[in-house]
Amino acid sequence: MKYEPRIYRNIYNQGDLRHFKVMVEETDLDIAVRKDRFDEKIKNIVCDYVRQEREALKQYIKRDPTFLSTLKPYQPLPGAPFSAEQMSAAATLAGVGPMAAVAGYFSEMVGRKLSAYSSEVIVENGGDIWLKTKRVRRVGIFAGDSPFTNRIALEINPDYSPLGICTSSGTVGHSLSFGTADAMVIVSESAVLADAVATAACNMVKTERDMEKAVNFALDIPGVKGALCILGEKMAAGGNIKLVPM
């Protein structure tokens, strides 16, 4: 797979934190921790953890290849790893296949692991973010060629973190999508759930008439706090989110 520069990462870069990258096969993470808590050993901890999690999931998929290919909710086999169970549970709520939640799973699990080292952590994985913060932060919205790109952001209150903030797009990136939205953003306490719901809601958007329906669909799923849909010059939003100018 050809590597595509993730220019959207410039939108949410937090100047008061120390950002670093970890890449293990297809897992490409941008991670931020408090500057006074950063140490090179953290990179090694993350790399080892991601390799371990990826290997467990790959070995399971060898035993259960349907888990990888299905686009519908799927119950994993007995003895499945924690990752498969968590992804399947979230995907079932959203009505999609479990691999729709894989990026959110790695964001959240790495973030929770790093919380033992830093009181503030942000992990971004292909547009899917897990965030724990002690101050108000703004997460910029990347929506491809939409005029909203670089113009608006989600303002995150620390009282509501940790949070998952996940984005699916029918026009940006290589992830499978059956929709046409430039960005479908879901906010949830679980990045695993937010990732799955973002995929499901984005799949629903074929025209501007579908935007409000997709937002309401997402908000009806237990655990979803907010939803935002962007298609060209149009936007639909609902739930407990605050949009601010960049």
C-alpha atoms as a PDB file:
ATOM      1  CA  MET A   1       0.000   0.000   0.000  1.00  0.00           C
ATOM      2  CA  LYS A   2       1.354   3.391  -0.993  1.00  0.00           C
ATOM      3  CA  TYR A   3       1.991   5.694   1.966  1.00  0.00           C
ATOM      4  CA  GLU A   4      -0.110   8.879   1.958  1.00  0.00           C
ATOM      5  CA  PRO A   5       1.227  11.823   3.978  1.00  0.00           C
ATOM      6  CA  ARG A   6      -1.208  12.573   6.784  1.00  0.00           C
ATOM      7  CA  ILE A   7      -1.310  16.334   6.388  1.00  0.00           C
ATOM      8  CA  TYR A   8      -4.400  16.582   8.583  1.00  0.00           C
ATOM      9  CA  ARG A   9      -2.161  15.922  11.594  1.00  0.00           C
ATOM     10  CA  ASN A  10      -1.001  19.523  11.387  1.00  0.00           C
ATOM     11  CA  ILE A  11      -4.541  20.617  12.283  1.00  0.00           C
ATOM     12  CA  TYR A  12      -4.654  19.113  15.747  1.00  0.00           C
ATOM     13  CA  ASN A  13      -0.980  19.371  16.775  1.00  0.00           C
ATOM     14  CA  GLN A  14      -0.824  20.613  20.373  1.00  0.00           C
ATOM     15  CA  GLY A  15       2.134  22.938  20.966  1.00  0.00           C
ATOM     16  CA  ASP A  16       2.306  22.378  24.720  1.00  0.00           C
ATOM     17  CA  LEU A  17       2.694  18.599  24.332  1.00  0.00           C
ATOM     18  CA  ARG A  18       5.491  16.431  22.945  1.00  0.00           C
ATOM     19  CA  HIS A  19       4.372  14.695  19.764  1.00  0.00           C
ATOM     20  CA  PHE A  20       6.069  11.582  18.421  1.00  0.00           C
ATOM     21  CA  LYS A  21       5.217   8.899  15.887  1.00  0.00           C
ATOM     22  CA  VAL A  22       5.092   5.125  16.134  1.00  0.00           C
ATOM     23  CA  MET A  23       4.650   2.915  13.071  1.00  0.00           C
ATOM     24  CA  VAL A  24       4.186  -0.852  13.254  1.00  0.00           C
ATOM     25  CA  GLU A  25       3.152  -2.299   9.891  1.00  0.00           C
ATOM     26  CA  GLU A  26      -0.165  -0.607   8.956  1.00  0.00           C
ATOM     27  CA  THR A  27      -0.598   0.949  12.402  1.00  0.00           C
ATOM     28  CA  ASP A  28       0.583   4.566  12.094  1.00  0.00           C
ATOM     29  CA  LEU A  29       0.201   6.534  15.326  1.00  0.00           C
ATOM     30  CA  ASP A  30       0.791  10.171  16.164  1.00  0.00           C
ATOM     31  CA  ILE A  31       1.082  10.380  19.945  1.00  0.00           C
ATOM     32  CA  ALA A  32       1.319  13.344  22.284  1.00  0.00           C
ATOM     33  CA  VAL A  33       2.203  13.371  25.990  1.00  0.00           C
ATOM     34  CA  ARG A  34       3.271  16.050  28.458  1.00  0.00           C
ATOM     35  CA  LYS A  35       6.722  17.361  27.574  1.00  0.00           C
ATOM     36  CA  ASP A  36       8.065  16.698  31.053  1.00  0.00           C
ATOM     37  CA  ARG A  37       6.897  13.082  30.851  1.00  0.00           C
ATOM     38  CA  PHE A  38       8.356  12.191  27.469  1.00  0.00           C
ATOM     39  CA  ASP A  39      11.150   9.650  27.385  1.00  0.00           C
ATOM     40  CA  GLU A  40      12.504   7.591  24.507  1.00  0.00           C
ATOM     41  CA  LYS A  41      11.545   4.447  26.390  1.00  0.00           C
ATOM     42  CA  ILE A  42       7.882   5.386  25.857  1.00  0.00           C
ATOM     43  CA  LYS A  43       8.328   4.778  22.141  1.00  0.00           C
ATOM     44  CA  ASN A  44       9.630   1.298  22.851  1.00  0.00           C
ATOM     45  CA  ILE A  45       6.762   0.591  25.229  1.00  0.00           C
ATOM     46  CA  VAL A  46       4.231   1.596  22.574  1.00  0.00           C
ATOM     47  CA  CYS A  47       5.991  -0.344  19.809  1.00  0.00           C
ATOM     48  CA  ASP A  48       6.119  -3.516  21.899  1.00  0.00           C
ATOM     49  CA  TYR A  49       2.501  -3.156  22.943  1.00  0.00           C
ATOM     50  CA  VAL A  50       1.228  -2.532  19.394  1.00  0.00           C
ATOM     51  CA  ARG A  51       3.220  -5.487  18.043  1.00  0.00           C
ATOM     52  CA  GLN A  52       1.780  -7.712  20.744  1.00  0.00           C
ATOM     53  CA  GLU A  53      -1.784  -6.572  20.091  1.00  0.00           C
ATOM     54  CA  ARG A  54      -1.401  -6.847  16.318  1.00  0.00           C
ATOM     55  CA  GLU A  55       0.082 -10.331  16.550  1.00  0.00           C
ATOM     56  CA  ALA A  56      -2.745 -11.573  18.776  1.00  0.00           C
ATOM     57  CA  LEU A  57      -5.312 -10.189  16.339  1.00  0.00           C
ATOM     58  CA  LYS A  58      -3.516 -11.586  13.277  1.00  0.00           C
ATOM     59  CA  GLN A  59      -3.274 -15.042  14.812  1.00  0.00           C
ATOM     60  CA  TYR A  60      -6.965 -14.938  15.638  1.00  0.00           C
ATOM     61  CA  ILE A  61      -7.881 -13.892  12.088  1.00  0.00           C
ATOM     62  CA  LYS A  62      -5.964 -16.906  10.758  1.00  0.00           C
ATOM     63  CA  ARG A  63      -8.334 -19.045  12.822  1.00  0.00           C
ATOM     64  CA  ASP A  64     -11.405 -16.979  11.958  1.00  0.00           C
ATOM     65  CA  PRO A  65     -10.926 -15.224   8.561  1.00  0.00           C
ATOM     66  CA  THR A  66     -14.579 -14.146   8.464  1.00  0.00           C
ATOM     67  CA  PHE A  67     -13.774 -11.689  11.246  1.00  0.00           C
ATOM     68  CA  LEU A  68     -11.564  -9.783   8.792  1.00  0.00           C
ATOM     69  CA  SER A  69     -13.866  -9.801   5.770  1.00  0.00           C
ATOM     70  CA  THR A  70     -17.410  -9.461   7.080  1.00  0.00           C
ATOM     71  CA  LEU A  71     -19.163  -6.103   6.801  1.00  0.00           C
ATOM     72  CA  LYS A  72     -21.906  -7.119   9.211  1.00  0.00           C
ATOM     73  CA  PRO A  73     -21.998  -7.525  13.013  1.00  0.00           C
ATOM     74  CA  TYR A  74     -20.140 -10.679  13.970  1.00  0.00           C
ATOM     75  CA  GLN A  75     -19.754 -12.729  17.127  1.00  0.00           C
ATOM     76  CA  PRO A  76     -16.119 -13.827  17.609  1.00  0.00           C
ATOM     77  CA  LEU A  77     -15.239 -17.415  18.352  1.00  0.00           C
ATOM     78  CA  PRO A  78     -14.605 -18.642  21.918  1.00  0.00           C
ATOM     79  CA  GLY A  79     -11.108 -17.755  23.054  1.00  0.00           C
ATOM     80  CA  ALA A  80     -10.903 -14.650  20.841  1.00  0.00           C
ATOM     81  CA  PRO A  81      -8.475 -11.960  22.060  1.00  0.00           C
ATOM     82  CA  PHE A  82      -9.697  -8.891  23.923  1.00  0.00           C
ATOM     83  CA  SER A  83      -9.280  -6.788  20.776  1.00  0.00           C
ATOM     84  CA  ALA A  84     -11.683  -8.952  18.768  1.00  0.00           C
ATOM     85  CA  GLU A  85     -14.253  -8.922  21.558  1.00  0.00           C
ATOM     86  CA  GLN A  86     -14.129  -5.145  21.965  1.00  0.00           C
ATOM     87  CA  MET A  87     -14.253  -4.446  18.237  1.00  0.00           C
ATOM     88  CA  SER A  88     -17.144  -6.861  17.737  1.00  0.00           C
ATOM     89  CA  ALA A  89     -19.165  -5.381  20.596  1.00  0.00           C
ATOM     90  CA  ALA A  90     -18.805  -1.847  19.249  1.00  0.00           C
ATOM     91  CA  ALA A  91     -19.471  -2.886  15.664  1.00  0.00           C
ATOM     92  CA  THR A  92     -22.633  -4.731  16.693  1.00  0.00           C
ATOM     93  CA  LEU A  93     -24.047  -1.550  18.225  1.00  0.00           C
ATOM     94  CA  ALA A  94     -23.237   0.320  15.010  1.00  0.00           C
ATOM     95  CA  GLY A  95     -24.404  -2.415  12.641  1.00  0.00           C
ATOM     96  CA  VAL A  96     -21.099  -2.875  10.803  1.00  0.00           C
ATOM     97  CA  GLY A  97     -18.280  -5.424  10.615  1.00  0.00           C
ATOM     98  CA  PRO A  98     -15.762  -5.538  13.489  1.00  0.00           C
ATOM     99  CA  MET A  99     -12.780  -4.289  11.450  1.00  0.00           C
ATOM    100  CA  ALA A 100     -14.567  -0.925  11.237  1.00  0.00           C
ATOM    101  CA  ALA A 101     -13.410  -0.388  14.832  1.00  0.00           C
ATOM    102  CA  VAL A 102      -9.771  -1.462  14.554  1.00  0.00           C
ATOM    103  CA  ALA A 103      -8.191   2.018  14.336  1.00  0.00           C
ATOM    104  CA  GLY A 104     -10.240   3.282  17.265  1.00  0.00           C
ATOM    105  CA  TYR A 105      -9.269   0.225  19.282  1.00  0.00           C
ATOM    106  CA  PHE A 106      -5.538   0.859  18.873  1.00  0.00           C
ATOM    107  CA  SER A 107      -5.951   4.582  19.610  1.00  0.00           C
ATOM    108  CA  GLU A 108      -7.799   3.896  22.830  1.00  0.00           C
ATOM    109  CA  MET A 109      -5.698   1.010  24.093  1.00  0.00           C
ATOM    110  CA  VAL A 110      -2.403   2.834  23.465  1.00  0.00           C
ATOM    111  CA  GLY A 111      -3.826   5.961  25.069  1.00  0.00           C
ATOM    112  CA  ARG A 112      -4.962   4.129  28.179  1.00  0.00           C
ATOM    113  CA  LYS A 113      -1.598   2.421  28.497  1.00  0.00           C
ATOM    114  CA  LEU A 114       0.243   5.739  28.258  1.00  0.00           C
ATOM    115  CA  SER A 115      -2.026   7.277  30.888  1.00  0.00           C
ATOM    116  CA  ALA A 116       0.175   5.500  33.432  1.00  0.00           C
ATOM    117  CA  TYR A 117       3.079   7.713  32.298  1.00  0.00           C
ATOM    118  CA  SER A 118       1.400  11.030  31.479  1.00  0.00           C
ATOM    119  CA  SER A 119      -1.703  12.773  32.816  1.00  0.00           C
ATOM    120  CA  GLU A 120      -2.351  14.134  29.323  1.00  0.00           C
ATOM    121  CA  VAL A 121      -2.314  11.862  26.288  1.00  0.00           C
ATOM    122  CA  ILE A 122      -3.502  12.136  22.695  1.00  0.00           C
ATOM    123  CA  VAL A 123      -3.281   9.227  20.280  1.00  0.00           C
ATOM    124  CA  GLU A 124      -4.291   9.655  16.639  1.00  0.00           C
ATOM    125  CA  ASN A 125      -4.571   6.735  14.256  1.00  0.00           C
ATOM    126  CA  GLY A 126      -5.802   7.489  10.749  1.00  0.00           C
ATOM    127  CA  GLY A 127      -8.136  10.256  11.893  1.00  0.00           C
ATOM    128  CA  ASP A 128      -9.310   8.352  14.966  1.00  0.00           C
ATOM    129  CA  ILE A 129      -8.327   9.999  18.242  1.00  0.00           C
ATOM    130  CA  TRP A 130      -8.309   9.029  21.902  1.00  0.00           C
ATOM    131  CA  LEU A 131      -7.701  12.007  24.144  1.00  0.00           C
ATOM    132  CA  LYS A 132      -7.175  12.609  27.844  1.00  0.00           C
ATOM    133  CA  THR A 133      -6.642  16.233  28.770  1.00  0.00           C
ATOM    134  CA  LYS A 134      -6.425  18.570  31.756  1.00  0.00           C
ATOM    135  CA  ARG A 135      -7.097  21.733  29.754  1.00  0.00           C
ATOM    136  CA  VAL A 136      -9.479  22.887  27.053  1.00  0.00           C
ATOM    137  CA  ARG A 137      -8.269  21.709  23.662  1.00  0.00           C
ATOM    138  CA  ARG A 138      -9.345  22.197  20.080  1.00  0.00           C
ATOM    139  CA  VAL A 139      -9.312  19.360  17.579  1.00  0.00           C
ATOM    140  CA  GLY A 140      -9.428  20.614  13.993  1.00  0.00           C
ATOM    141  CA  ILE A 141     -11.739  19.031  11.445  1.00  0.00           C
ATOM    142  CA  PHE A 142     -10.252  17.739   8.191  1.00  0.00           C
ATOM    143  CA  ALA A 143     -12.909  17.265   5.512  1.00  0.00           C
ATOM    144  CA  GLY A 144     -10.929  16.994   2.286  1.00  0.00           C
ATOM    145  CA  ASP A 145     -11.910  19.622  -0.286  1.00  0.00           C
ATOM    146  CA  SER A 146     -14.803  20.941   1.793  1.00  0.00           C
ATOM    147  CA  PRO A 147     -14.487  24.668   2.649  1.00  0.00           C
ATOM    148  CA  PHE A 148     -14.863  23.681   6.315  1.00  0.00           C
ATOM    149  CA  THR A 149     -11.385  22.116   6.318  1.00  0.00           C
ATOM    150  CA  ASN A 150      -8.988  24.249   8.412  1.00  0.00           C
ATOM    151  CA  ARG A 151     -11.923  26.476   9.368  1.00  0.00           C
ATOM    152  CA  ILE A 152     -13.620  24.760  12.314  1.00  0.00           C
ATOM    153  CA  ALA A 153     -12.640  22.686  15.328  1.00  0.00           C
ATOM    154  CA  LEU A 154     -14.198  20.727  18.156  1.00  0.00           C
ATOM    155  CA  GLU A 155     -13.577  22.334  21.534  1.00  0.00           C
ATOM    156  CA  ILE A 156     -12.963  19.638  24.151  1.00  0.00           C
ATOM    157  CA  ASN A 157     -13.709  20.340  27.803  1.00  0.00           C
ATOM    158  CA  PRO A 158     -11.353  18.416  30.117  1.00  0.00           C
ATOM    159  CA  ASP A 159     -14.306  17.485  32.344  1.00  0.00           C
ATOM    160  CA  TYR A 160     -15.547  15.235  29.538  1.00  0.00           C
ATOM    161  CA  SER A 161     -12.266  13.449  28.837  1.00  0.00           C
ATOM    162  CA  PRO A 162     -11.079  10.840  28.211  1.00  0.00           C
ATOM    163  CA  LEU A 163     -12.896  10.811  24.879  1.00  0.00           C
ATOM    164  CA  GLY A 164     -12.795   9.120  21.523  1.00  0.00           C
ATOM    165  CA  ILE A 165     -13.103  11.431  18.504  1.00  0.00           C
ATOM    166  CA  CYS A 166     -13.258   9.401  15.303  1.00  0.00           C
ATOM    167  CA  THR A 167     -13.741  10.390  11.681  1.00  0.00           C
ATOM    168  CA  SER A 168     -14.859   8.442   8.632  1.00  0.00           C
ATOM    169  CA  SER A 169     -14.854   9.827   5.108  1.00  0.00           C
ATOM    170  CA  GLY A 170     -16.100   8.733   1.733  1.00  0.00           C
ATOM    171  CA  THR A 171     -13.740  11.127  -0.055  1.00  0.00           C
ATOM    172  CA  VAL A 172     -10.514  11.086   1.984  1.00  0.00           C
ATOM    173  CA  GLY A 173      -8.152   8.187   2.677  1.00  0.00           C
ATOM    174  CA  HIS A 174      -8.131   4.522   1.691  1.00  0.00           C
ATOM    175  CA  SER A 175     -10.555   3.071   4.250  1.00  0.00           C
ATOM    176  CA  LEU A 176     -13.615   1.331   2.834  1.00  0.00           C
ATOM    177  CA  SER A 177     -16.698   3.553   2.807  1.00  0.00           C
ATOM    178  CA  PHE A 178     -19.994   3.341   0.953  1.00  0.00           C
ATOM    179  CA  GLY A 179     -20.883   6.974   1.628  1.00  0.00           C
ATOM    180  CA  THR A 180     -19.967  10.325   0.128  1.00  0.00           C
ATOM    181  CA  ALA A 181     -19.536  12.491   3.238  1.00  0.00           C
ATOM    182  CA  ASP A 182     -16.309  14.484   3.396  1.00  0.00           C
ATOM    183  CA  ALA A 183     -16.256  13.866   7.143  1.00  0.00           C
ATOM    184  CA  MET A 184     -18.438  12.058   9.639  1.00  0.00           C
ATOM    185  CA  VAL A 185     -17.136  12.790  13.130  1.00  0.00           C
ATOM    186  CA  ILE A 186     -18.336  10.900  16.193  1.00  0.00           C
ATOM    187  CA  VAL A 187     -17.570  11.758  19.834  1.00  0.00           C
ATOM    188  CA  SER A 188     -17.895   9.041  22.465  1.00  0.00           C
ATOM    189  CA  GLU A 189     -16.306   7.941  25.725  1.00  0.00           C
ATOM    190  CA  SER A 190     -15.093   4.946  23.696  1.00  0.00           C
ATOM    191  CA  ALA A 191     -12.894   5.454  20.642  1.00  0.00           C
ATOM    192  CA  VAL A 192     -13.706   1.864  19.646  1.00  0.00           C
ATOM    193  CA  LEU A 193     -17.407   2.705  19.505  1.00  0.00           C
ATOM    194  CA  ALA A 194     -16.809   6.096  17.888  1.00  0.00           C
ATOM    195  CA  ASP A 195     -14.817   4.465  15.085  1.00  0.00           C
ATOM    196  CA  ALA A 196     -17.502   1.888  14.325  1.00  0.00           C
ATOM    197  CA  VAL A 197     -20.334   4.432  14.447  1.00  0.00           C
ATOM    198  CA  ALA A 198     -18.440   6.890  12.245  1.00  0.00           C
ATOM    199  CA  THR A 199     -18.165   4.189   9.582  1.00  0.00           C
ATOM    200  CA  ALA A 200     -21.832   3.234   9.838  1.00  0.00           C
ATOM    201  CA  ALA A 201     -23.089   6.826   9.763  1.00  0.00           C
ATOM    202  CA  CYS A 202     -20.798   7.813   6.897  1.00  0.00           C
ATOM    203  CA  ASN A 203     -22.091   4.859   4.878  1.00  0.00           C
ATOM    204  CA  MET A 204     -25.588   6.328   5.130  1.00  0.00           C
ATOM    205  CA  VAL A 205     -24.695   9.648   3.494  1.00  0.00           C
ATOM    206  CA  LYS A 206     -25.281   9.585  -0.251  1.00  0.00           C
ATOM    207  CA  THR A 207     -26.702  13.103  -0.679  1.00  0.00           C
ATOM    208  CA  GLU A 208     -27.262  16.200   1.458  1.00  0.00           C
ATOM    209  CA  ARG A 209     -30.702  14.865   2.381  1.00  0.00           C
ATOM    210  CA  ASP A 210     -29.069  12.013   4.306  1.00  0.00           C
ATOM    211  CA  MET A 211     -26.911  14.147   6.591  1.00  0.00           C
ATOM    212  CA  GLU A 212     -29.407  14.832   9.372  1.00  0.00           C
ATOM    213  CA  LYS A 213     -30.574  11.215   9.291  1.00  0.00           C
ATOM    214  CA  ALA A 214     -26.988   9.993   9.720  1.00  0.00           C
ATOM    215  CA  VAL A 215     -26.382  12.331  12.669  1.00  0.00           C
ATOM    216  CA  ASN A 216     -29.598  11.224  14.378  1.00  0.00           C
ATOM    217  CA  PHE A 217     -28.739   7.569  13.755  1.00  0.00           C
ATOM    218  CA  ALA A 218     -25.409   8.041  15.516  1.00  0.00           C
ATOM    219  CA  LEU A 219     -26.920   9.916  18.459  1.00  0.00           C
ATOM    220  CA  ASP A 220     -29.423   7.122  19.045  1.00  0.00           C
ATOM    221  CA  ILE A 221     -26.607   4.648  19.779  1.00  0.00           C
ATOM    222  CA  PRO A 222     -25.867   4.347  23.518  1.00  0.00           C
ATOM    223  CA  GLY A 223     -22.486   5.832  24.321  1.00  0.00           C
ATOM    224  CA  VAL A 224     -22.384   8.384  21.492  1.00  0.00           C
ATOM    225  CA  LYS A 225     -22.099  11.939  22.816  1.00  0.00           C
ATOM    226  CA  GLY A 226     -22.029  13.965  19.614  1.00  0.00           C
ATOM    227  CA  ALA A 227     -22.001  13.716  15.823  1.00  0.00           C
ATOM    228  CA  LEU A 228     -20.967  15.993  12.972  1.00  0.00           C
ATOM    229  CA  CYS A 229     -21.436  15.426   9.238  1.00  0.00           C
ATOM    230  CA  ILE A 230     -19.833  17.514   6.485  1.00  0.00           C
ATOM    231  CA  LEU A 231     -20.617  17.210   2.796  1.00  0.00           C
ATOM    232  CA  GLY A 232     -19.201  19.970   0.628  1.00  0.00           C
ATOM    233  CA  GLU A 233     -20.594  23.292   1.853  1.00  0.00           C
ATOM    234  CA  LYS A 234     -23.214  21.670   4.092  1.00  0.00           C
ATOM    235  CA  MET A 235     -22.984  20.615   7.725  1.00  0.00           C
ATOM    236  CA  ALA A 236     -25.241  18.780  10.188  1.00  0.00           C
ATOM    237  CA  ALA A 237     -24.408  18.388  13.863  1.00  0.00           C
ATOM    238  CA  GLY A 238     -26.006  17.309  17.112  1.00  0.00           C
ATOM    239  CA  GLY A 239     -25.358  16.152  20.651  1.00  0.00           C
ATOM    240  CA  ASN A 240     -22.894  17.420  23.229  1.00  0.00           C
ATOM    241  CA  ILE A 241     -20.269  18.997  20.980  1.00  0.00           C
ATOM    242  CA  LYS A 242     -19.014  22.558  20.677  1.00  0.00           C
ATOM    243  CA  LEU A 243     -17.803  23.884  17.327  1.00  0.00           C
ATOM    244  CA  VAL A 244     -15.426  26.853  17.266  1.00  0.00           C
ATOM    245  CA  PRO A 245     -13.455  28.656  14.559  1.00  0.00           C
ATOM    246  CA  MET A 246      -9.892  27.499  13.977  1.00  0.00           C
END
